[in-house]
Amino acid sequence: MPYSPGNNLLRNEVVLFPLEAAEYESEQKLVEEIQSFIHCYVDVSPLFEQIASYYVLFSWVYDAFNELPYLRLRGDAGSGKTRFLLTVGSLCYKPIFASGASTVSPLFRILDSMRETLIVDEGDFRFSDEKAELVKILNNGNGSGFPVLRSESVSGREFSPKAYSVFGPKLIATRGYFQDRALESRCLTEEMGGRKLREDVPINLGNEYVAEAPRAS
């Protein structure tokens, strides 16, 4: 469905759309370009770097699958989690950037309407009700055909159940583990901060780095 350029989510760059479609030499060449871009700005293990590169491509065709995993970064503040989310997330299909400071309720509606890649920074929600809502999204969001049911007010009077589709790729950064074991099993996790940052990785990310990102068509 078309979206107005004045849409609040687009105007505030909450959801990002690709600028244009471009030809690429081959799938292998595209993967190499994506991995090279990630390697330039992020310091993770070689295996996770490769996984992230393929996950970017996967995010563009995820609706052809019935199940999917999540990419999760775990570590203390300053370990590079947010940098990873910004770098890899900028390459994924229609990324929507959210933080632990956000209220979870709008995410149901955004995911249902946009069908995008959800990127959650500081996913350790402090309040139990917010954490429960996030767990609903993440527990149901890795399998197709499992919408979240919510009761919503109709005309300010009666409540009516509504189904929200939350299926889609997700990148998550947390400081700790999820208490829900089922949710933990849905994550491909990279432990951050266990080694010194590579010398060739820039300390600060400039705005121009997003413009250099390779585009999948």
Protein backbone atom coordinates (compact mmCIF):
# COMPACT_ATOMS: atom_id res chain seq x y z
CA MET A 1 0.00 0.00 0.00
CA PRO A 2 1.29 3.55 -0.74
CA TYR A 3 2.40 5.82 2.10
CA SER A 4 2.17 9.59 2.13
CA PRO A 5 5.55 11.41 2.22
CA GLY A 6 4.05 13.39 5.08
CA ASN A 7 3.53 10.24 7.14
CA ASN A 8 4.80 10.92 10.66
CA LEU A 9 6.83 7.69 10.80
CA LEU A 10 8.54 8.51 7.50
CA ARG A 11 9.07 12.20 8.21
CA ASN A 12 10.80 11.42 11.51
CA GLU A 13 12.79 8.56 9.95
CA VAL A 14 11.33 5.98 12.31
CA VAL A 15 10.80 3.70 9.29
CA LEU A 16 13.33 3.89 6.46
CA PHE A 17 12.58 3.02 2.84
CA PRO A 18 15.19 2.30 0.14
CA LEU A 19 16.04 5.25 -2.09
CA GLU A 20 16.15 3.25 -5.31
CA ALA A 21 16.69 -0.19 -6.85
CA ALA A 22 20.11 -0.94 -8.29
CA GLU A 23 21.66 -3.76 -10.30
CA TYR A 24 24.26 -5.96 -8.66
CA GLU A 25 26.82 -8.27 -10.26
CA SER A 26 25.84 -11.46 -8.43
CA GLU A 27 24.41 -12.61 -5.13
CA GLN A 28 27.87 -13.56 -3.87
CA LYS A 29 29.26 -10.15 -4.85
CA LEU A 30 26.38 -8.43 -3.04
CA VAL A 31 27.03 -10.48 0.12
CA GLU A 32 30.71 -9.54 -0.06
CA GLU A 33 29.84 -5.84 -0.34
CA ILE A 34 27.44 -6.05 2.59
CA GLN A 35 30.00 -7.90 4.73
CA SER A 36 32.69 -5.39 3.78
CA PHE A 37 30.43 -2.51 4.84
CA ILE A 38 29.63 -4.18 8.17
CA HIS A 39 33.30 -5.00 8.76
CA CYS A 40 34.27 -1.37 8.15
CA TYR A 41 32.10 0.01 10.97
CA VAL A 42 31.47 -2.86 13.39
CA ASP A 43 33.74 -5.18 15.37
CA VAL A 44 32.09 -8.57 15.89
CA SER A 45 33.32 -12.14 15.46
CA PRO A 46 33.92 -13.29 11.85
CA LEU A 47 31.09 -15.83 12.12
CA PHE A 48 28.53 -13.31 13.37
CA GLU A 49 29.69 -10.81 10.76
CA GLN A 50 28.91 -13.38 8.06
CA ILE A 51 25.58 -14.30 9.68
CA ALA A 52 24.62 -10.62 9.80
CA SER A 53 25.46 -10.19 6.12
CA TYR A 54 23.13 -12.99 5.08
CA TYR A 55 20.50 -11.81 7.57
CA VAL A 56 20.38 -8.47 5.73
CA LEU A 57 19.47 -10.24 2.50
CA PHE A 58 17.10 -12.54 4.34
CA SER A 59 15.18 -9.53 5.69
CA TRP A 60 14.21 -8.62 2.10
CA VAL A 61 12.62 -12.02 1.40
CA TYR A 62 11.55 -13.14 4.88
CA ASP A 63 7.88 -13.40 3.91
CA ALA A 64 8.75 -16.44 1.78
CA PHE A 65 9.53 -18.37 4.99
CA ASN A 66 7.39 -19.65 7.86
CA GLU A 67 9.91 -19.15 10.66
CA LEU A 68 12.91 -16.96 11.34
CA PRO A 69 15.49 -16.23 14.07
CA TYR A 70 16.44 -12.87 15.58
CA LEU A 71 19.88 -11.29 15.76
CA ARG A 72 20.68 -10.25 19.33
CA LEU A 73 23.66 -8.33 20.74
CA ARG A 74 24.31 -8.71 24.47
CA GLY A 75 26.73 -6.57 26.45
CA ASP A 76 27.25 -3.61 28.74
CA ALA A 77 27.04 0.04 27.76
CA GLY A 78 29.77 1.10 25.34
CA SER A 79 30.34 -2.39 23.95
CA GLY A 80 29.18 -1.53 20.42
CA LYS A 81 25.59 -2.83 20.45
CA THR A 82 23.99 0.37 19.16
CA ARG A 83 26.66 0.77 16.47
CA PHE A 84 25.82 -2.71 15.19
CA LEU A 85 22.08 -1.96 15.13
CA LEU A 86 22.60 1.26 13.18
CA THR A 87 25.04 -0.27 10.70
CA VAL A 88 23.28 -3.55 9.99
CA GLY A 89 19.80 -2.12 10.48
CA SER A 90 20.38 0.52 7.79
CA LEU A 91 20.79 -2.31 5.25
CA CYS A 92 17.73 -4.34 6.27
CA TYR A 93 14.28 -4.20 4.70
CA LYS A 94 12.25 -1.19 5.91
CA PRO A 95 14.01 -0.86 9.28
CA ILE A 96 12.09 0.65 12.17
CA PHE A 97 14.27 1.87 15.02
CA ALA A 98 12.84 1.68 18.54
CA SER A 99 14.42 1.93 21.97
CA GLY A 100 13.71 0.75 25.48
CA ALA A 101 12.47 4.25 26.19
CA SER A 102 9.61 3.75 23.72
CA THR A 103 6.21 2.48 24.77
CA VAL A 104 5.58 -0.93 23.28
CA SER A 105 1.90 -0.47 22.43
CA PRO A 106 2.45 1.41 19.12
CA LEU A 107 4.80 -1.31 17.89
CA PHE A 108 1.89 -3.70 17.36
CA ARG A 109 0.24 -1.27 14.95
CA ILE A 110 3.46 -0.28 13.18
CA LEU A 111 4.54 -3.89 12.63
CA ASP A 112 1.08 -4.85 11.40
CA SER A 113 0.86 -1.97 8.91
CA MET A 114 4.47 -1.69 7.73
CA ARG A 115 5.66 -5.34 7.86
CA GLU A 116 9.24 -4.19 8.37
CA THR A 117 12.43 -5.09 10.24
CA LEU A 118 12.12 -4.19 13.92
CA ILE A 119 15.31 -2.91 15.56
CA VAL A 120 15.17 -2.61 19.34
CA ASP A 121 17.96 -0.91 21.29
CA GLU A 122 18.13 -1.27 25.08
CA GLY A 123 15.61 -4.12 25.01
CA ASP A 124 15.83 -4.61 28.79
CA PHE A 125 12.49 -2.94 29.54
CA ARG A 126 12.28 -1.94 33.20
CA PHE A 127 8.55 -2.05 33.78
CA SER A 128 6.96 -5.49 33.96
CA ASP A 129 3.96 -4.57 31.80
CA GLU A 130 6.15 -3.12 29.04
CA LYS A 131 8.46 -6.15 29.21
CA ALA A 132 5.46 -8.49 28.93
CA GLU A 133 4.26 -6.63 25.83
CA LEU A 134 7.70 -6.86 24.22
CA VAL A 135 7.89 -10.58 24.98
CA LYS A 136 4.52 -11.05 23.23
CA ILE A 137 5.88 -9.40 20.10
CA LEU A 138 9.13 -11.37 20.13
CA ASN A 139 7.61 -14.73 21.06
CA ASN A 140 4.96 -14.51 18.32
CA GLY A 141 7.04 -12.64 15.77
CA ASN A 142 9.32 -15.46 14.68
CA GLY A 143 6.57 -17.59 13.13
CA SER A 144 4.13 -16.80 10.36
CA GLY A 145 0.46 -17.18 11.19
CA PHE A 146 0.69 -16.38 14.91
CA PRO A 147 -0.74 -12.86 15.35
CA VAL A 148 -1.02 -11.19 18.73
CA LEU A 149 -4.62 -10.66 19.89
CA ARG A 150 -5.42 -7.44 21.75
CA SER A 151 -8.66 -5.98 23.09
CA GLU A 152 -9.21 -2.43 21.93
CA SER A 153 -11.89 0.12 22.59
CA VAL A 154 -14.41 0.79 19.82
CA SER A 155 -15.78 4.35 19.77
CA GLY A 156 -14.62 4.76 23.36
CA ARG A 157 -17.17 2.27 24.68
CA GLU A 158 -17.09 -1.48 24.09
CA PHE A 159 -13.91 -3.52 23.67
CA SER A 160 -13.34 -5.68 20.63
CA PRO A 161 -10.51 -8.18 19.92
CA LYS A 162 -8.10 -7.33 17.11
CA ALA A 163 -5.30 -9.40 15.60
CA TYR A 164 -1.91 -7.83 14.87
CA SER A 165 0.68 -9.53 12.70
CA VAL A 166 4.14 -9.15 14.26
CA PHE A 167 6.00 -11.67 12.09
CA GLY A 168 9.26 -10.38 10.68
CA PRO A 169 13.04 -10.04 11.14
CA LYS A 170 14.29 -8.32 14.28
CA LEU A 171 17.59 -6.99 15.61
CA ILE A 172 17.79 -6.62 19.39
CA ALA A 173 20.34 -5.24 21.84
CA THR A 174 20.17 -6.11 25.53
CA ARG A 175 22.41 -5.94 28.57
CA GLY A 176 21.18 -9.20 30.05
CA TYR A 177 19.47 -12.43 29.06
CA PHE A 178 15.75 -12.86 28.52
CA GLN A 179 14.12 -14.69 31.41
CA ASP A 180 11.82 -16.44 28.94
CA ARG A 181 13.70 -19.52 27.69
CA ALA A 182 11.56 -19.81 24.59
CA LEU A 183 12.52 -16.27 23.62
CA GLU A 184 16.20 -16.97 24.24
CA SER A 185 15.98 -19.92 21.84
CA ARG A 186 14.77 -17.59 19.08
CA CYS A 187 17.96 -15.48 19.20
CA LEU A 188 21.31 -15.81 17.46
CA THR A 189 23.40 -13.99 20.06
CA GLU A 190 26.76 -12.22 19.89
CA GLU A 191 28.44 -11.38 23.19
CA MET A 192 29.88 -7.86 22.94
CA GLY A 193 32.69 -6.10 24.78
CA GLY A 194 34.91 -9.11 25.35
CA ARG A 195 37.83 -7.77 23.33
CA LYS A 196 39.53 -4.53 22.34
CA LEU A 197 38.01 -2.64 19.40
CA ARG A 198 39.89 -3.18 16.14
CA GLU A 199 42.18 -0.27 15.33
CA ASP A 200 40.74 0.19 11.84
CA VAL A 201 37.16 0.69 13.12
CA PRO A 202 36.24 4.39 13.36
CA ILE A 203 35.39 5.54 16.87
CA ASN A 204 32.56 7.81 15.71
CA LEU A 205 30.01 7.15 12.98
CA GLY A 206 29.44 10.10 10.64
CA ASN A 207 26.16 10.68 8.83
CA GLU A 208 27.82 9.86 5.54
CA TYR A 209 28.29 6.17 6.36
CA VAL A 210 24.61 5.38 5.67
CA ALA A 211 24.94 6.89 2.20
CA GLU A 212 27.75 4.44 1.47
CA ALA A 213 25.61 1.41 2.29
CA PRO A 214 25.18 -1.09 -0.56
CA ARG A 215 21.56 -1.41 -1.73
CA ALA A 216 19.76 -4.66 -2.54
CA SER A 217 17.16 -4.49 -5.30
